[in-house]
Amino acid sequence: MGVHMKKPQGFGIFLREKPIELLLSLALGEKDKYPSMLAKESKCTYSHTVHLLQKMQKASLVDFEKKGRLKLVSLTKKGEQVVDSFNKIITDLH
């Protein structure tokens, strides 16, 4: 990617460990999770988790669904593909 090329939406999300942990956490266990559960699983503050999830939503990686008082988060098809890519990278590094 050249210096003058426009970076794709969501490009800057995954340069740090916590966003990757958060995305991988979404892929494990229950299909739909809520932000406070994800914050605990990824050992991240609630506010930072929500901020990252909003960025991921803008990059079409996650969807939010309101169920009663809970706001559930789930991976989109694109999000699942990104998780698969990260899992492959993690496997290749071992």
C-alpha atoms as a PDB file:
ATOM      1  CA  MET A   1       0.000   0.000   0.000  1.00  0.00           C
ATOM      2  CA  GLY A   2       1.635   3.229  -1.145  1.00  0.00           C
ATOM      3  CA  VAL A   3       1.953   6.310   1.013  1.00  0.00           C
ATOM      4  CA  HIS A   4      -0.568   8.245  -1.084  1.00  0.00           C
ATOM      5  CA  MET A   5      -3.189   5.498  -1.334  1.00  0.00           C
ATOM      6  CA  LYS A   6      -6.390   5.981   0.605  1.00  0.00           C
ATOM      7  CA  LYS A   7      -6.589   3.484   3.449  1.00  0.00           C
ATOM      8  CA  PRO A   8      -9.730   1.334   3.473  1.00  0.00           C
ATOM      9  CA  GLN A   9     -12.336   1.945   6.166  1.00  0.00           C
ATOM     10  CA  GLY A  10     -11.423   0.017   9.307  1.00  0.00           C
ATOM     11  CA  PHE A  11      -7.710  -0.147   8.405  1.00  0.00           C
ATOM     12  CA  GLY A  12      -6.524   1.481  11.640  1.00  0.00           C
ATOM     13  CA  ILE A  13      -8.612  -0.665  13.955  1.00  0.00           C
ATOM     14  CA  PHE A  14      -6.324  -3.713  13.991  1.00  0.00           C
ATOM     15  CA  LEU A  15      -2.920  -2.226  14.647  1.00  0.00           C
ATOM     16  CA  ARG A  16      -3.337  -2.894  18.367  1.00  0.00           C
ATOM     17  CA  GLU A  17      -3.868  -6.012  20.479  1.00  0.00           C
ATOM     18  CA  LYS A  18      -7.207  -5.138  22.159  1.00  0.00           C
ATOM     19  CA  PRO A  19      -9.267  -4.734  18.982  1.00  0.00           C
ATOM     20  CA  ILE A  20      -8.035  -8.099  17.712  1.00  0.00           C
ATOM     21  CA  GLU A  21      -8.828  -9.710  21.085  1.00  0.00           C
ATOM     22  CA  LEU A  22     -12.275  -8.152  21.008  1.00  0.00           C
ATOM     23  CA  LEU A  23     -13.022  -9.435  17.521  1.00  0.00           C
ATOM     24  CA  LEU A  24     -11.757 -12.934  18.338  1.00  0.00           C
ATOM     25  CA  SER A  25     -13.832 -12.918  21.533  1.00  0.00           C
ATOM     26  CA  LEU A  26     -16.927 -12.217  19.443  1.00  0.00           C
ATOM     27  CA  ALA A  27     -16.218 -15.361  17.432  1.00  0.00           C
ATOM     28  CA  LEU A  28     -15.914 -17.652  20.469  1.00  0.00           C
ATOM     29  CA  GLY A  29     -18.761 -19.175  22.462  1.00  0.00           C
ATOM     30  CA  GLU A  30     -22.224 -17.657  22.223  1.00  0.00           C
ATOM     31  CA  LYS A  31     -23.254 -16.110  18.922  1.00  0.00           C
ATOM     32  CA  ASP A  32     -24.582 -12.819  20.329  1.00  0.00           C
ATOM     33  CA  LYS A  33     -22.766 -11.039  23.111  1.00  0.00           C
ATOM     34  CA  TYR A  34     -23.266  -7.712  24.814  1.00  0.00           C
ATOM     35  CA  PRO A  35     -20.589  -5.013  25.237  1.00  0.00           C
ATOM     36  CA  SER A  36     -19.981  -5.487  28.966  1.00  0.00           C
ATOM     37  CA  MET A  37     -19.435  -9.230  28.424  1.00  0.00           C
ATOM     38  CA  LEU A  38     -16.955  -8.473  25.635  1.00  0.00           C
ATOM     39  CA  ALA A  39     -15.174  -5.890  27.801  1.00  0.00           C
ATOM     40  CA  LYS A  40     -14.656  -8.493  30.519  1.00  0.00           C
ATOM     41  CA  GLU A  41     -13.513 -11.194  28.080  1.00  0.00           C
ATOM     42  CA  SER A  42     -11.013  -8.895  26.378  1.00  0.00           C
ATOM     43  CA  LYS A  43      -9.877  -7.287  29.665  1.00  0.00           C
ATOM     44  CA  CYS A  44     -10.744  -3.843  28.364  1.00  0.00           C
ATOM     45  CA  THR A  45     -12.766  -0.978  29.861  1.00  0.00           C
ATOM     46  CA  TYR A  46     -16.420  -0.796  28.932  1.00  0.00           C
ATOM     47  CA  SER A  47     -16.092   2.639  27.322  1.00  0.00           C
ATOM     48  CA  HIS A  48     -13.095   1.600  25.216  1.00  0.00           C
ATOM     49  CA  THR A  49     -14.924  -1.579  24.173  1.00  0.00           C
ATOM     50  CA  VAL A  50     -17.959   0.419  23.031  1.00  0.00           C
ATOM     51  CA  HIS A  51     -15.697   2.846  21.151  1.00  0.00           C
ATOM     52  CA  LEU A  52     -13.958  -0.039  19.335  1.00  0.00           C
ATOM     53  CA  LEU A  53     -17.284  -1.735  18.569  1.00  0.00           C
ATOM     54  CA  GLN A  54     -18.598   1.487  17.032  1.00  0.00           C
ATOM     55  CA  LYS A  55     -15.515   1.651  14.790  1.00  0.00           C
ATOM     56  CA  MET A  56     -16.027  -1.995  13.857  1.00  0.00           C
ATOM     57  CA  GLN A  57     -19.664  -1.278  13.023  1.00  0.00           C
ATOM     58  CA  LYS A  58     -18.608   1.567  10.702  1.00  0.00           C
ATOM     59  CA  ALA A  59     -16.217  -0.884   9.001  1.00  0.00           C
ATOM     60  CA  SER A  60     -19.150  -3.359   8.611  1.00  0.00           C
ATOM     61  CA  LEU A  61     -17.525  -5.965  10.872  1.00  0.00           C
ATOM     62  CA  VAL A  62     -20.217  -6.104  13.576  1.00  0.00           C
ATOM     63  CA  ASP A  63     -23.936  -5.462  13.916  1.00  0.00           C
ATOM     64  CA  PHE A  64     -25.865  -4.268  16.956  1.00  0.00           C
ATOM     65  CA  GLU A  65     -29.329  -5.546  17.819  1.00  0.00           C
ATOM     66  CA  LYS A  66     -31.489  -4.257  20.644  1.00  0.00           C
ATOM     67  CA  LYS A  67     -33.236  -7.057  22.587  1.00  0.00           C
ATOM     68  CA  GLY A  68     -35.152  -5.646  25.502  1.00  0.00           C
ATOM     69  CA  ARG A  69     -32.682  -3.745  27.641  1.00  0.00           C
ATOM     70  CA  LEU A  70     -29.668  -5.484  26.110  1.00  0.00           C
ATOM     71  CA  LYS A  71     -27.732  -4.317  23.076  1.00  0.00           C
ATOM     72  CA  LEU A  72     -26.347  -7.463  21.456  1.00  0.00           C
ATOM     73  CA  VAL A  73     -23.300  -7.499  19.205  1.00  0.00           C
ATOM     74  CA  SER A  74     -22.675 -10.060  16.489  1.00  0.00           C
ATOM     75  CA  LEU A  75     -20.183 -10.500  13.677  1.00  0.00           C
ATOM     76  CA  THR A  76     -21.206  -9.734  10.131  1.00  0.00           C
ATOM     77  CA  LYS A  77     -20.149 -12.000   7.272  1.00  0.00           C
ATOM     78  CA  LYS A  78     -17.245  -9.612   6.645  1.00  0.00           C
ATOM     79  CA  GLY A  79     -16.352  -9.761  10.360  1.00  0.00           C
ATOM     80  CA  GLU A  80     -16.314 -13.560  10.241  1.00  0.00           C
ATOM     81  CA  GLN A  81     -13.942 -13.433   7.265  1.00  0.00           C
ATOM     82  CA  VAL A  82     -11.597 -11.097   9.164  1.00  0.00           C
ATOM     83  CA  VAL A  83     -11.665 -13.434  12.192  1.00  0.00           C
ATOM     84  CA  ASP A  84     -10.809 -16.365   9.914  1.00  0.00           C
ATOM     85  CA  SER A  85      -7.865 -14.370   8.556  1.00  0.00           C
ATOM     86  CA  PHE A  86      -6.600 -13.546  12.050  1.00  0.00           C
ATOM     87  CA  ASN A  87      -6.964 -17.182  13.107  1.00  0.00           C
ATOM     88  CA  LYS A  88      -4.874 -18.213  10.106  1.00  0.00           C
ATOM     89  CA  ILE A  89      -2.187 -15.656  10.995  1.00  0.00           C
ATOM     90  CA  ILE A  90      -2.152 -16.861  14.630  1.00  0.00           C
ATOM     91  CA  THR A  91      -1.852 -20.489  13.456  1.00  0.00           C
ATOM     92  CA  ASP A  92       0.954 -19.577  11.051  1.00  0.00           C
ATOM     93  CA  LEU A  93       2.861 -17.817  13.843  1.00  0.00           C
ATOM     94  CA  HIS A  94       2.867 -20.890  16.074  1.00  0.00           C
END
